[in-house]
Amino acid sequence: MSITATFIIQMIVFLILVGFTMKYIWPPITAALDARAKKIADGLSAADKAKAELAQANQRIEQQLSAARDDAAKRLADAERLAQSMIEEARGKASAEGAKIVAAARAEAEQEASKAREALRDQVAALAVKGAEQILRKEVNAAVHADLLGRLKAEL
């Protein structure tokens, strides 16, 4: 056979092979490639969507954390104010109670001083009567001279 006939037969076989490949082999390959490209595009789309959701979730979390921090700071400030007011109230009560105790102690001391003065006056009056008895060398009757002894106590 000649080279031209061989070439023509090879061309026919090649064309049959190309036709067979185009009809039976090429469509499943392109379908598989298209499906793979679609899966990759869907995966990338899902990844972008997940990134956006993650960013939104992070933003919501940050907002909630900020709100929680603000709430905690507010509660802490309220607690500090309440504690300060309780301390001031306790100080006021303690001061008032202390003033009452001091006033009661002063009143009691004043009463004791009055009693002591009265007792001292009585003793001074008794001593004055004894002194007068010794000076006059006679007995002075306290009942008779009660008015005089009362004035003496008042002067003392």
Protein backbone atom coordinates (compact mmCIF):
# COMPACT_ATOMS: atom_id res chain seq x y z
CA MET A 1 0.00 0.00 0.00
CA SER A 2 0.96 3.41 -0.59
CA ILE A 3 1.66 6.10 1.85
CA THR A 4 -1.32 8.10 0.75
CA ALA A 5 -3.72 5.18 1.28
CA THR A 6 -2.25 4.54 4.70
CA PHE A 7 -2.57 8.19 5.51
CA ILE A 8 -6.20 8.25 4.38
CA ILE A 9 -7.03 5.12 6.42
CA GLN A 10 -5.31 6.63 9.45
CA MET A 11 -7.35 9.81 8.91
CA ILE A 12 -10.58 7.80 8.77
CA VAL A 13 -9.64 5.86 11.91
CA PHE A 14 -8.71 9.14 13.61
CA LEU A 15 -12.00 10.74 12.63
CA ILE A 16 -13.91 7.66 13.89
CA LEU A 17 -11.94 7.88 17.15
CA VAL A 18 -12.66 11.62 17.43
CA GLY A 19 -16.36 11.04 16.71
CA PHE A 20 -16.56 8.19 19.25
CA THR A 21 -14.71 10.29 21.84
CA MET A 22 -16.94 13.31 21.16
CA LYS A 23 -20.10 11.24 21.43
CA TYR A 24 -19.38 8.82 24.28
CA ILE A 25 -16.33 9.96 26.27
CA TRP A 26 -16.34 13.76 26.13
CA PRO A 27 -19.89 14.41 27.59
CA PRO A 28 -19.29 12.50 30.89
CA ILE A 29 -15.90 14.20 31.30
CA THR A 30 -17.37 17.68 30.73
CA ALA A 31 -20.30 16.83 33.02
CA ALA A 32 -17.85 15.69 35.73
CA LEU A 33 -15.76 18.85 35.23
CA ASP A 34 -18.89 21.05 35.37
CA ALA A 35 -20.11 19.26 38.50
CA ARG A 36 -16.69 19.70 40.10
CA ALA A 37 -16.61 23.38 39.13
CA LYS A 38 -20.12 23.78 40.60
CA LYS A 39 -19.05 22.04 43.83
CA ILE A 40 -16.00 24.29 44.09
CA ALA A 41 -18.11 27.40 43.42
CA ASP A 42 -20.69 26.25 46.00
CA GLY A 43 -17.89 25.57 48.51
CA LEU A 44 -16.39 29.02 47.93
CA SER A 45 -19.85 30.58 48.22
CA ALA A 46 -20.49 28.65 51.44
CA ALA A 47 -17.07 29.71 52.77
CA ASP A 48 -17.82 33.37 51.99
CA LYS A 49 -21.23 33.03 53.61
CA ALA A 50 -19.66 31.36 56.67
CA LYS A 51 -17.09 34.18 56.88
CA ALA A 52 -19.87 36.77 56.76
CA GLU A 53 -21.88 34.88 59.41
CA LEU A 54 -18.76 34.54 61.54
CA ALA A 55 -18.12 38.27 61.26
CA GLN A 56 -21.74 38.99 62.23
CA ALA A 57 -21.54 36.52 65.11
CA ASN A 58 -18.29 38.12 66.31
CA GLN A 59 -19.93 41.54 66.08
CA ARG A 60 -22.96 40.34 68.07
CA ILE A 61 -20.69 38.71 70.64
CA GLU A 62 -18.66 41.91 70.95
CA GLN A 63 -21.86 43.92 71.40
CA GLN A 64 -23.10 41.50 74.05
CA LEU A 65 -19.73 41.57 75.81
CA SER A 66 -19.76 45.35 75.71
CA ALA A 67 -23.29 45.42 77.10
CA ALA A 68 -22.31 42.91 79.79
CA ARG A 69 -19.24 44.99 80.72
CA ASP A 70 -21.35 48.14 80.88
CA ASP A 71 -23.96 46.34 82.99
CA ALA A 72 -21.28 44.96 85.31
CA ALA A 73 -19.68 48.40 85.65
CA LYS A 74 -23.10 49.93 86.33
CA ARG A 75 -23.91 47.30 88.95
CA LEU A 76 -20.50 47.74 90.55
CA ALA A 77 -21.00 51.50 90.69
CA ASP A 78 -24.49 51.01 92.17
CA ALA A 79 -23.09 48.60 94.74
CA GLU A 80 -20.32 51.05 95.65
CA ARG A 81 -22.85 53.87 96.01
CA LEU A 82 -25.08 51.66 98.14
CA ALA A 83 -22.15 50.60 100.30
CA GLN A 84 -21.06 54.23 100.68
CA SER A 85 -24.59 55.29 101.66
CA MET A 86 -24.80 52.40 104.12
CA ILE A 87 -21.46 53.42 105.61
CA GLU A 88 -22.59 57.03 105.88
CA GLU A 89 -25.89 55.94 107.43
CA ALA A 90 -24.05 53.72 109.91
CA ARG A 91 -21.69 56.59 110.74
CA GLY A 92 -24.65 58.90 111.28
CA LYS A 93 -26.38 56.36 113.52
CA ALA A 94 -23.17 55.71 115.43
CA SER A 95 -22.58 59.44 115.82
CA ALA A 96 -26.15 59.95 117.04
CA GLU A 97 -25.85 57.00 119.40
CA GLY A 98 -22.50 58.31 120.62
CA ALA A 99 -24.04 61.73 121.21
CA LYS A 100 -26.88 60.10 123.15
CA ILE A 101 -24.43 58.11 125.25
CA VAL A 102 -22.31 61.21 125.90
CA ALA A 103 -25.42 63.24 126.80
CA ALA A 104 -26.63 60.46 129.14
CA ALA A 105 -23.18 60.24 130.71
CA ARG A 106 -23.07 64.02 131.16
CA ALA A 107 -26.55 64.04 132.68
CA GLU A 108 -25.59 61.20 135.00
CA ALA A 109 -22.35 62.96 135.90
CA GLU A 110 -24.29 66.16 136.52
CA GLN A 111 -26.73 64.29 138.77
CA GLU A 112 -23.85 62.67 140.63
CA ALA A 113 -22.18 66.07 140.98
CA SER A 114 -25.45 67.55 142.28
CA LYS A 115 -25.79 64.71 144.76
CA ALA A 116 -22.17 65.16 145.80
CA ARG A 117 -22.68 68.93 146.20
CA GLU A 118 -25.83 68.33 148.24
CA ALA A 119 -24.03 65.81 150.42
CA LEU A 120 -21.13 68.22 150.76
CA ARG A 121 -23.49 71.03 151.73
CA ASP A 122 -25.09 68.79 154.33
CA GLN A 123 -21.67 67.92 155.72
CA VAL A 124 -20.55 71.55 155.67
CA ALA A 125 -23.76 72.56 157.42
CA ALA A 126 -23.23 69.85 160.03
CA LEU A 127 -19.64 71.00 160.47
CA ALA A 128 -20.79 74.61 160.74
CA VAL A 129 -23.31 73.65 163.39
CA LYS A 130 -20.66 71.74 165.31
CA GLY A 131 -18.27 74.63 164.94
CA ALA A 132 -20.93 77.04 166.15
CA GLU A 133 -21.69 74.75 169.09
CA GLN A 134 -18.11 74.73 170.08
CA ILE A 135 -17.82 78.46 169.67
CA LEU A 136 -20.96 79.12 171.65
CA ARG A 137 -20.31 76.24 174.01
CA LYS A 138 -23.83 75.16 173.92
CA GLU A 139 -25.94 72.87 171.84
CA VAL A 140 -27.59 74.28 168.74
CA ASN A 141 -30.89 72.60 167.93
CA ALA A 142 -31.07 71.81 164.19
CA ALA A 143 -34.88 71.72 164.23
CA VAL A 144 -35.11 75.18 165.77
CA HIS A 145 -32.59 76.67 163.44
CA ALA A 146 -33.74 74.85 160.26
CA ASP A 147 -34.40 78.14 158.47
CA LEU A 148 -30.91 79.36 159.26
CA LEU A 149 -29.37 76.05 158.18
CA GLY A 150 -31.37 76.11 154.89
CA ARG A 151 -29.99 79.58 154.04
CA LEU A 152 -26.52 78.37 154.91
CA LYS A 153 -26.90 75.41 152.53
CA ALA A 154 -28.13 77.70 149.75
CA GLU A 155 -25.16 80.02 150.19
CA LEU A 156 -22.76 77.11 149.99
